[in-house]
PDB file of all heavy atoms in Angstrom:
ATOM      1  N   THR A   1     225.384 236.201 300.930  1.00  0.00           N
ATOM      2  CA  THR A   1     226.094 237.416 300.558  1.00  0.00           C
ATOM      3  C   THR A   1     227.483 237.420 301.195  1.00  0.00           C
ATOM      4  O   THR A   1     227.711 236.822 302.231  1.00  0.00           O
ATOM      5  CB  THR A   1     225.305 238.650 301.034  1.00  0.00           C
ATOM      6  OG1 THR A   1     225.149 238.563 302.446  1.00  0.00           O
ATOM      7  CG2 THR A   1     223.952 238.712 300.375  1.00  0.00           C
ATOM      8  N   MET A   2     228.385 238.056 300.536  1.00  0.00           N
ATOM      9  CA  MET A   2     229.769 238.142 301.009  1.00  0.00           C
ATOM     10  C   MET A   2     230.141 239.599 301.247  1.00  0.00           C
ATOM     11  O   MET A   2     229.555 240.506 300.674  1.00  0.00           O
ATOM     12  CB  MET A   2     230.726 237.528 299.978  1.00  0.00           C
ATOM     13  CG  MET A   2     230.443 236.061 299.707  1.00  0.00           C
ATOM     14  SD  MET A   2     231.668 235.339 298.628  1.00  0.00           S
ATOM     15  CE  MET A   2     233.087 235.418 299.700  1.00  0.00           C
ATOM     16  N   VAL A   3     231.115 239.776 302.086  1.00  0.00           N
ATOM     17  CA  VAL A   3     231.574 241.133 302.398  1.00  0.00           C
ATOM     18  C   VAL A   3     232.231 241.725 301.163  1.00  0.00           C
ATOM     19  O   VAL A   3     233.020 241.067 300.507  1.00  0.00           O
ATOM     20  CB  VAL A   3     232.580 241.117 303.561  1.00  0.00           C
ATOM     21  CG1 VAL A   3     233.113 242.508 303.836  1.00  0.00           C
ATOM     22  CG2 VAL A   3     231.933 240.536 304.791  1.00  0.00           C
ATOM     23  N   LEU A   4     231.887 242.990 300.819  1.00  0.00           N
ATOM     24  CA  LEU A   4     232.372 243.651 299.603  1.00  0.00           C
ATOM     25  C   LEU A   4     233.522 244.598 299.940  1.00  0.00           C
ATOM     26  O   LEU A   4     233.409 245.413 300.852  1.00  0.00           O
ATOM     27  CB  LEU A   4     231.237 244.429 298.924  1.00  0.00           C
ATOM     28  CG  LEU A   4     230.004 243.621 298.487  1.00  0.00           C
ATOM     29  CD1 LEU A   4     228.940 244.550 297.955  1.00  0.00           C
ATOM     30  CD2 LEU A   4     230.390 242.613 297.442  1.00  0.00           C
ATOM     31  N   ALA A   5     234.558 244.507 299.162  1.00  0.00           N
ATOM     32  CA  ALA A   5     235.587 245.547 299.052  1.00  0.00           C
ATOM     33  C   ALA A   5     235.868 246.273 300.354  1.00  0.00           C
ATOM     34  O   ALA A   5     235.526 247.423 300.525  1.00  0.00           O
ATOM     35  CB  ALA A   5     235.181 246.555 297.999  1.00  0.00           C
ATOM     36  N   THR A   6     236.424 245.602 301.387  1.00  0.00           N
ATOM     37  CA  THR A   6     236.801 246.296 302.616  1.00  0.00           C
ATOM     38  C   THR A   6     238.065 247.110 302.380  1.00  0.00           C
ATOM     39  O   THR A   6     238.955 246.708 301.624  1.00  0.00           O
ATOM     40  CB  THR A   6     237.024 245.278 303.746  1.00  0.00           C
ATOM     41  OG1 THR A   6     237.977 244.310 303.326  1.00  0.00           O
ATOM     42  CG2 THR A   6     235.729 244.584 304.091  1.00  0.00           C
ATOM     43  N   ILE A   7     238.135 248.233 303.042  1.00  0.00           N
ATOM     44  CA  ILE A   7     239.206 249.196 302.794  1.00  0.00           C
ATOM     45  C   ILE A   7     239.957 249.450 304.095  1.00  0.00           C
ATOM     46  O   ILE A   7     239.376 249.570 305.144  1.00  0.00           O
ATOM     47  CB  ILE A   7     238.634 250.525 302.271  1.00  0.00           C
ATOM     48  CG1 ILE A   7     237.775 250.268 301.034  1.00  0.00           C
ATOM     49  CG2 ILE A   7     239.749 251.507 301.914  1.00  0.00           C
ATOM     50  CD1 ILE A   7     238.496 249.640 299.898  1.00  0.00           C
ATOM     51  N   GLY A   8     241.272 249.503 304.047  1.00  0.00           N
ATOM     52  CA  GLY A   8     242.088 249.877 305.196  1.00  0.00           C
ATOM     53  C   GLY A   8     243.032 251.002 304.823  1.00  0.00           C
ATOM     54  O   GLY A   8     243.539 251.033 303.719  1.00  0.00           O
ATOM     55  N   GLY A   9     243.314 251.848 305.805  1.00  0.00           N
ATOM     56  CA  GLY A   9     244.292 252.915 305.578  1.00  0.00           C
ATOM     57  C   GLY A   9     243.658 254.208 305.108  1.00  0.00           C
ATOM     58  O   GLY A   9     242.592 254.216 304.533  1.00  0.00           O
ATOM     59  N   ALA A  10     244.332 255.279 305.311  1.00  0.00           N
ATOM     60  CA  ALA A  10     243.918 256.575 304.846  1.00  0.00           C
ATOM     61  C   ALA A  10     244.188 256.699 303.391  1.00  0.00           C
ATOM     62  O   ALA A  10     245.181 256.242 302.899  1.00  0.00           O
ATOM     63  CB  ALA A  10     244.674 257.667 305.599  1.00  0.00           C
ATOM     64  N   VAL A  11     243.156 257.287 302.652  1.00  0.00           N
ATOM     65  CA  VAL A  11     243.274 257.266 301.203  1.00  0.00           C
ATOM     66  C   VAL A  11     243.177 258.618 300.568  1.00  0.00           C
ATOM     67  O   VAL A  11     243.180 258.723 299.360  1.00  0.00           O
ATOM     68  CB  VAL A  11     242.181 256.376 300.623  1.00  0.00           C
ATOM     69  CG1 VAL A  11     242.389 254.949 300.997  1.00  0.00           C
ATOM     70  CG2 VAL A  11     240.795 256.859 301.011  1.00  0.00           C
ATOM     71  N   THR A  12     243.036 259.622 301.394  1.00  0.00           N
ATOM     72  CA  THR A  12     242.803 260.916 300.753  1.00  0.00           C
ATOM     73  C   THR A  12     243.688 261.986 301.377  1.00  0.00           C
ATOM     74  O   THR A  12     244.898 261.847 301.435  1.00  0.00           O
ATOM     75  CB  THR A  12     241.325 261.303 300.872  1.00  0.00           C
ATOM     76  OG1 THR A  12     240.893 261.116 302.217  1.00  0.00           O
ATOM     77  CG2 THR A  12     240.478 260.454 299.955  1.00  0.00           C
ATOM     78  N   GLY A  13     243.054 263.063 301.820  1.00  0.00           N
ATOM     79  CA  GLY A  13     243.814 264.250 302.202  1.00  0.00           C
ATOM     80  C   GLY A  13     244.758 264.057 303.361  1.00  0.00           C
ATOM     81  O   GLY A  13     245.807 264.692 303.386  1.00  0.00           O
ATOM     82  N   LYS A  14     244.409 263.212 304.350  1.00  0.00           N
ATOM     83  CA  LYS A  14     245.292 263.020 305.483  1.00  0.00           C
ATOM     84  C   LYS A  14     246.622 262.443 305.027  1.00  0.00           C
ATOM     85  O   LYS A  14     247.686 262.907 305.451  1.00  0.00           O
ATOM     86  CB  LYS A  14     244.626 262.083 306.502  1.00  0.00           C
ATOM     87  CG  LYS A  14     245.523 261.744 307.695  1.00  0.00           C
ATOM     88  CD  LYS A  14     245.880 262.959 308.515  1.00  0.00           C
ATOM     89  CE  LYS A  14     246.679 262.565 309.746  1.00  0.00           C
ATOM     90  NZ  LYS A  14     247.102 263.741 310.534  1.00  0.00           N
ATOM     91  N   GLY A  15     246.579 261.451 304.153  1.00  0.00           N
ATOM     92  CA  GLY A  15     247.824 260.878 303.647  1.00  0.00           C
ATOM     93  C   GLY A  15     248.625 261.888 302.854  1.00  0.00           C
ATOM     94  O   GLY A  15     249.857 261.908 302.922  1.00  0.00           O
ATOM     95  N   ARG A  16     247.925 262.743 302.095  1.00  0.00           N
ATOM     96  CA  ARG A  16     248.635 263.756 301.317  1.00  0.00           C
ATOM     97  C   ARG A  16     249.361 264.736 302.222  1.00  0.00           C
ATOM     98  O   ARG A  16     250.521 265.092 301.976  1.00  0.00           O
ATOM     99  CB  ARG A  16     247.627 264.488 300.433  1.00  0.00           C
ATOM    100  CG  ARG A  16     248.226 265.591 299.591  1.00  0.00           C
ATOM    101  CD  ARG A  16     247.140 266.272 298.782  1.00  0.00           C
ATOM    102  NE  ARG A  16     247.639 267.429 298.081  1.00  0.00           N
ATOM    103  CZ  ARG A  16     246.886 268.248 297.366  1.00  0.00           C
ATOM    104  NH1 ARG A  16     245.591 268.014 297.275  1.00  0.00           N
ATOM    105  NH2 ARG A  16     247.410 269.280 296.767  1.00  0.00           N
ATOM    106  N   ALA A  17     248.696 265.201 303.281  1.00  0.00           N
ATOM    107  CA  ALA A  17     249.335 266.137 304.203  1.00  0.00           C
ATOM    108  C   ALA A  17     250.518 265.496 304.914  1.00  0.00           C
ATOM    109  O   ALA A  17     251.564 266.118 305.104  1.00  0.00           O
ATOM    110  CB  ALA A  17     248.311 266.645 305.222  1.00  0.00           C
ATOM    111  N   GLN A  18     250.360 264.213 305.312  1.00  0.00           N
ATOM    112  CA  GLN A  18     251.448 263.533 306.001  1.00  0.00           C
ATOM    113  C   GLN A  18     252.650 263.327 305.076  1.00  0.00           C
ATOM    114  O   GLN A  18     253.801 263.482 305.482  1.00  0.00           O
ATOM    115  CB  GLN A  18     250.969 262.188 306.544  1.00  0.00           C
ATOM    116  CG  GLN A  18     251.985 261.480 307.429  1.00  0.00           C
ATOM    117  CD  GLN A  18     252.340 262.300 308.655  1.00  0.00           C
ATOM    118  OE1 GLN A  18     251.471 262.673 309.433  1.00  0.00           O
ATOM    119  NE2 GLN A  18     253.609 262.601 308.829  1.00  0.00           N
ATOM    120  N   ARG A  19     252.369 262.975 303.810  1.00  0.00           N
ATOM    121  CA  ARG A  19     253.483 262.810 302.866  1.00  0.00           C
ATOM    122  C   ARG A  19     254.215 264.130 302.650  1.00  0.00           C
ATOM    123  O   ARG A  19     255.448 264.155 302.547  1.00  0.00           O
ATOM    124  CB  ARG A  19     252.946 262.286 301.532  1.00  0.00           C
ATOM    125  CG  ARG A  19     252.570 260.831 301.540  1.00  0.00           C
ATOM    126  CD  ARG A  19     252.378 260.314 300.126  1.00  0.00           C
ATOM    127  NE  ARG A  19     251.329 261.043 299.422  1.00  0.00           N
ATOM    128  CZ  ARG A  19     250.053 260.705 299.457  1.00  0.00           C
ATOM    129  NH1 ARG A  19     249.659 259.670 300.181  1.00  0.00           N
ATOM    130  NH2 ARG A  19     249.154 261.397 298.776  1.00  0.00           N
ATOM    131  N   ALA A  20     253.471 265.233 302.590  1.00  0.00           N
ATOM    132  CA  ALA A  20     254.111 266.529 302.408  1.00  0.00           C
ATOM    133  C   ALA A  20     255.004 266.871 303.596  1.00  0.00           C
ATOM    134  O   ALA A  20     256.124 267.379 303.425  1.00  0.00           O
ATOM    135  CB  ALA A  20     253.050 267.617 302.215  1.00  0.00           C
ATOM    136  N   ALA A  21     254.525 266.582 304.820  1.00  0.00           N
ATOM    137  CA  ALA A  21     255.347 266.838 306.003  1.00  0.00           C
ATOM    138  C   ALA A  21     256.591 265.954 306.007  1.00  0.00           C
ATOM    139  O   ALA A  21     257.700 266.416 306.318  1.00  0.00           O
ATOM    140  CB  ALA A  21     254.517 266.604 307.274  1.00  0.00           C
ATOM    141  N   ASP A  22     256.429 264.682 305.673  1.00  0.00           N
ATOM    142  CA  ASP A  22     257.580 263.775 305.625  1.00  0.00           C
ATOM    143  C   ASP A  22     258.626 264.254 304.628  1.00  0.00           C
ATOM    144  O   ASP A  22     259.831 264.305 304.936  1.00  0.00           O
ATOM    145  CB  ASP A  22     257.119 262.362 305.250  1.00  0.00           C
ATOM    146  CG  ASP A  22     256.263 261.715 306.319  1.00  0.00           C
ATOM    147  OD1 ASP A  22     256.319 262.184 307.470  1.00  0.00           O
ATOM    148  OD2 ASP A  22     255.538 260.761 306.003  1.00  0.00           O
ATOM    149  N   LEU A  23     258.179 264.598 303.430  1.00  0.00           N
ATOM    150  CA  LEU A  23     259.122 265.003 302.389  1.00  0.00           C
ATOM    151  C   LEU A  23     259.793 266.332 302.725  1.00  0.00           C
ATOM    152  O   LEU A  23     260.972 266.533 302.407  1.00  0.00           O
ATOM    153  CB  LEU A  23     258.396 265.097 301.049  1.00  0.00           C
ATOM    154  CG  LEU A  23     257.942 263.759 300.461  1.00  0.00           C
ATOM    155  CD1 LEU A  23     257.105 263.982 299.219  1.00  0.00           C
ATOM    156  CD2 LEU A  23     259.149 262.884 300.132  1.00  0.00           C
ATOM    157  N   ALA A  24     259.075 267.259 303.359  1.00  0.00           N
ATOM    158  CA  ALA A  24     259.683 268.525 303.744  1.00  0.00           C
ATOM    159  C   ALA A  24     260.784 268.308 304.774  1.00  0.00           C
ATOM    160  O   ALA A  24     261.871 268.883 304.673  1.00  0.00           O
ATOM    161  CB  ALA A  24     258.617 269.474 304.289  1.00  0.00           C
ATOM    162  N   ALA A  25     260.516 267.459 305.789  1.00  0.00           N
ATOM    163  CA  ALA A  25     261.534 267.183 306.811  1.00  0.00           C
ATOM    164  C   ALA A  25     262.736 266.473 306.204  1.00  0.00           C
ATOM    165  O   ALA A  25     263.899 266.802 306.503  1.00  0.00           O
ATOM    166  CB  ALA A  25     260.930 266.352 307.936  1.00  0.00           C
ATOM    167  N   ILE A  26     262.491 265.497 305.340  1.00  0.00           N
ATOM    168  CA  ILE A  26     263.598 264.753 304.727  1.00  0.00           C
ATOM    169  C   ILE A  26     264.428 265.657 303.833  1.00  0.00           C
ATOM    170  O   ILE A  26     265.674 265.593 303.818  1.00  0.00           O
ATOM    171  CB  ILE A  26     263.039 263.550 303.941  1.00  0.00           C
ATOM    172  CG1 ILE A  26     262.453 262.519 304.899  1.00  0.00           C
ATOM    173  CG2 ILE A  26     264.127 262.917 303.082  1.00  0.00           C
ATOM    174  CD1 ILE A  26     261.719 261.396 304.208  1.00  0.00           C
ATOM    175  N   SER A  27     263.785 266.525 303.067  1.00  0.00           N
ATOM    176  CA  SER A  27     264.524 267.435 302.185  1.00  0.00           C
ATOM    177  C   SER A  27     265.391 268.388 302.995  1.00  0.00           C
ATOM    178  O   SER A  27     266.519 268.710 302.599  1.00  0.00           O
ATOM    179  CB  SER A  27     263.545 268.217 301.313  1.00  0.00           C
ATOM    180  OG  SER A  27     262.819 267.355 300.466  1.00  0.00           O
ATOM    181  N   SER A  28     264.885 268.848 304.144  1.00  0.00           N
ATOM    182  CA  SER A  28     265.668 269.754 304.981  1.00  0.00           C
ATOM    183  C   SER A  28     266.915 269.066 305.522  1.00  0.00           C
ATOM    184  O   SER A  28     268.026 269.612 305.459  1.00  0.00           O
ATOM    185  CB  SER A  28     264.807 270.280 306.129  1.00  0.00           C
ATOM    186  OG  SER A  28     263.772 271.112 305.649  1.00  0.00           O
ATOM    187  N   VAL A  29     266.763 267.846 306.068  1.00  0.00           N
ATOM    188  CA  VAL A  29     267.937 267.183 306.645  1.00  0.00           C
ATOM    189  C   VAL A  29     268.906 266.717 305.562  1.00  0.00           C
ATOM    190  O   VAL A  29     270.114 266.613 305.812  1.00  0.00           O
ATOM    191  CB  VAL A  29     267.510 265.997 307.540  1.00  0.00           C
ATOM    192  CG1 VAL A  29     266.661 266.474 308.695  1.00  0.00           C
ATOM    193  CG2 VAL A  29     266.775 264.930 306.752  1.00  0.00           C
ATOM    194  N   ARG A  30     268.394 266.439 304.370  1.00  0.00           N
ATOM    195  CA  ARG A  30     269.310 266.102 303.285  1.00  0.00           C
ATOM    196  C   ARG A  30     270.199 267.298 302.948  1.00  0.00           C
ATOM    197  O   ARG A  30     271.404 267.165 302.721  1.00  0.00           O
ATOM    198  CB  ARG A  30     268.531 265.666 302.052  1.00  0.00           C
ATOM    199  CG  ARG A  30     269.417 265.285 300.875  1.00  0.00           C
ATOM    200  CD  ARG A  30     268.585 264.800 299.711  1.00  0.00           C
ATOM    201  NE  ARG A  30     267.862 263.591 300.049  1.00  0.00           N
ATOM    202  CZ  ARG A  30     266.942 263.041 299.268  1.00  0.00           C
ATOM    203  NH1 ARG A  30     266.629 263.610 298.113  1.00  0.00           N
ATOM    204  NH2 ARG A  30     266.333 261.937 299.640  1.00  0.00           N
ATOM    205  N   SER A  31     269.604 268.503 302.925  1.00  0.00           N
ATOM    206  CA  SER A  31     270.399 269.706 302.695  1.00  0.00           C
ATOM    207  C   SER A  31     271.407 269.915 303.823  1.00  0.00           C
ATOM    208  O   SER A  31     272.566 270.273 303.581  1.00  0.00           O
ATOM    209  CB  SER A  31     269.465 270.923 302.588  1.00  0.00           C
ATOM    210  OG  SER A  31     270.201 272.118 302.539  1.00  0.00           O
ATOM    211  N   MET A  32     270.977 269.668 305.059  1.00  0.00           N
ATOM    212  CA  MET A  32     271.881 269.833 306.207  1.00  0.00           C
ATOM    213  C   MET A  32     273.039 268.851 306.141  1.00  0.00           C
ATOM    214  O   MET A  32     274.192 269.200 306.434  1.00  0.00           O
ATOM    215  CB  MET A  32     271.090 269.651 307.500  1.00  0.00           C
ATOM    216  CG  MET A  32     270.003 270.703 307.701  1.00  0.00           C
ATOM    217  SD  MET A  32     268.806 270.284 308.986  1.00  0.00           S
ATOM    218  CE  MET A  32     269.739 270.669 310.442  1.00  0.00           C
ATOM    219  N   ARG A  33     272.763 267.620 305.757  1.00  0.00           N
ATOM    220  CA  ARG A  33     273.831 266.623 305.669  1.00  0.00           C
ATOM    221  C   ARG A  33     274.833 267.006 304.580  1.00  0.00           C
ATOM    222  O   ARG A  33     276.051 266.888 304.764  1.00  0.00           O
ATOM    223  CB  ARG A  33     273.242 265.246 305.361  1.00  0.00           C
ATOM    224  CG  ARG A  33     274.268 264.140 305.316  1.00  0.00           C
ATOM    225  CD  ARG A  33     273.627 262.813 304.950  1.00  0.00           C
ATOM    226  NE  ARG A  33     274.596 261.724 305.011  1.00  0.00           N
ATOM    227  CZ  ARG A  33     275.449 261.422 304.063  1.00  0.00           C
ATOM    228  NH1 ARG A  33     275.483 262.148 302.957  1.00  0.00           N
ATOM    229  NH2 ARG A  33     276.300 260.423 304.204  1.00  0.00           N
ATOM    230  N   ASP A  34     274.317 267.471 303.444  1.00  0.00           N
ATOM    231  CA  ASP A  34     275.218 267.850 302.354  1.00  0.00           C
ATOM    232  C   ASP A  34     276.063 269.068 302.714  1.00  0.00           C
ATOM    233  O   ASP A  34     277.215 269.193 302.261  1.00  0.00           O
ATOM    234  CB  ASP A  34     274.417 268.128 301.085  1.00  0.00           C
ATOM    235  CG  ASP A  34     273.738 266.884 300.529  1.00  0.00           C
ATOM    236  OD1 ASP A  34     274.175 265.776 300.897  1.00  0.00           O
ATOM    237  OD2 ASP A  34     272.781 267.018 299.744  1.00  0.00           O
ATOM    238  N   ASP A  35     275.507 270.003 303.518  1.00  0.00           N
ATOM    239  CA  ASP A  35     276.217 271.233 303.844  1.00  0.00           C
ATOM    240  C   ASP A  35     277.018 271.145 305.127  1.00  0.00           C
ATOM    241  O   ASP A  35     277.722 272.110 305.478  1.00  0.00           O
ATOM    242  CB  ASP A  35     275.213 272.395 303.966  1.00  0.00           C
ATOM    243  CG  ASP A  35     274.624 272.788 302.622  1.00  0.00           C
ATOM    244  OD1 ASP A  35     275.231 272.433 301.592  1.00  0.00           O
ATOM    245  OD2 ASP A  35     273.566 273.446 302.600  1.00  0.00           O
ATOM    246  N   ALA A  36     276.924 270.028 305.868  1.00  0.00           N
ATOM    247  CA  ALA A  36     277.623 269.928 307.149  1.00  0.00           C
ATOM    248  C   ALA A  36     279.136 270.133 307.020  1.00  0.00           C
ATOM    249  O   ALA A  36     279.730 270.845 307.833  1.00  0.00           O
ATOM    250  CB  ALA A  36     277.319 268.580 307.812  1.00  0.00           C
ATOM    251  N   PRO A  37     279.809 269.536 306.022  1.00  0.00           N
ATOM    252  CA  PRO A  37     281.262 269.792 305.906  1.00  0.00           C
ATOM    253  C   PRO A  37     281.583 271.269 305.711  1.00  0.00           C
ATOM    254  O   PRO A  37     282.588 271.757 306.243  1.00  0.00           O
ATOM    255  CB  PRO A  37     281.654 268.963 304.680  1.00  0.00           C
ATOM    256  CG  PRO A  37     280.633 267.878 304.599  1.00  0.00           C
ATOM    257  CD  PRO A  37     279.365 268.524 305.051  1.00  0.00           C
ATOM    258  N   ARG A  38     280.727 272.000 305.022  1.00  0.00           N
ATOM    259  CA  ARG A  38     280.981 273.425 304.819  1.00  0.00           C
ATOM    260  C   ARG A  38     280.758 274.224 306.105  1.00  0.00           C
ATOM    261  O   ARG A  38     281.443 275.209 306.354  1.00  0.00           O
ATOM    262  CB  ARG A  38     280.091 273.962 303.713  1.00  0.00           C
ATOM    263  CG  ARG A  38     280.343 273.330 302.346  1.00  0.00           C
ATOM    264  CD  ARG A  38     279.530 273.997 301.270  1.00  0.00           C
ATOM    265  NE  ARG A  38     279.871 275.424 301.167  1.00  0.00           N
ATOM    266  CZ  ARG A  38     279.203 276.284 300.408  1.00  0.00           C
ATOM    267  NH1 ARG A  38     278.155 275.890 299.700  1.00  0.00           N
ATOM    268  NH2 ARG A  38     279.573 277.550 300.362  1.00  0.00           N
ATOM    269  N   LEU A  39     279.773 273.801 306.910  1.00  0.00           N
ATOM    270  CA  LEU A  39     279.555 274.480 308.193  1.00  0.00           C
ATOM    271  C   LEU A  39     280.745 274.275 309.124  1.00  0.00           C
ATOM    272  O   LEU A  39     281.148 275.193 309.844  1.00  0.00           O
ATOM    273  CB  LEU A  39     278.271 273.947 308.833  1.00  0.00           C
ATOM    274  CG  LEU A  39     277.968 274.436 310.253  1.00  0.00           C
ATOM    275  CD1 LEU A  39     277.659 275.931 310.245  1.00  0.00           C
ATOM    276  CD2 LEU A  39     276.805 273.660 310.857  1.00  0.00           C
ATOM    277  N   LEU A  40     281.332 273.081 309.118  1.00  0.00           N
ATOM    278  CA  LEU A  40     282.433 272.752 310.024  1.00  0.00           C
ATOM    279  C   LEU A  40     283.788 273.207 309.502  1.00  0.00           C
ATOM    280  O   LEU A  40     284.773 273.177 310.238  1.00  0.00           O
ATOM    281  CB  LEU A  40     282.451 271.241 310.272  1.00  0.00           C
ATOM    282  CG  LEU A  40     281.195 270.687 310.977  1.00  0.00           C
ATOM    283  CD1 LEU A  40     281.259 269.180 311.042  1.00  0.00           C
ATOM    284  CD2 LEU A  40     281.071 271.268 312.372  1.00  0.00           C
TER     285      LEU A  40
END
């Protein structure tokens, strides 16, 4: 017999929550970078 279909990495809700946090932080700093000349 051989080892079947080993899996690595998070595949469900944890990855979804982490992606949402990443995208929220990136979207915020993108807005800050675009608006920085107006703030200054």
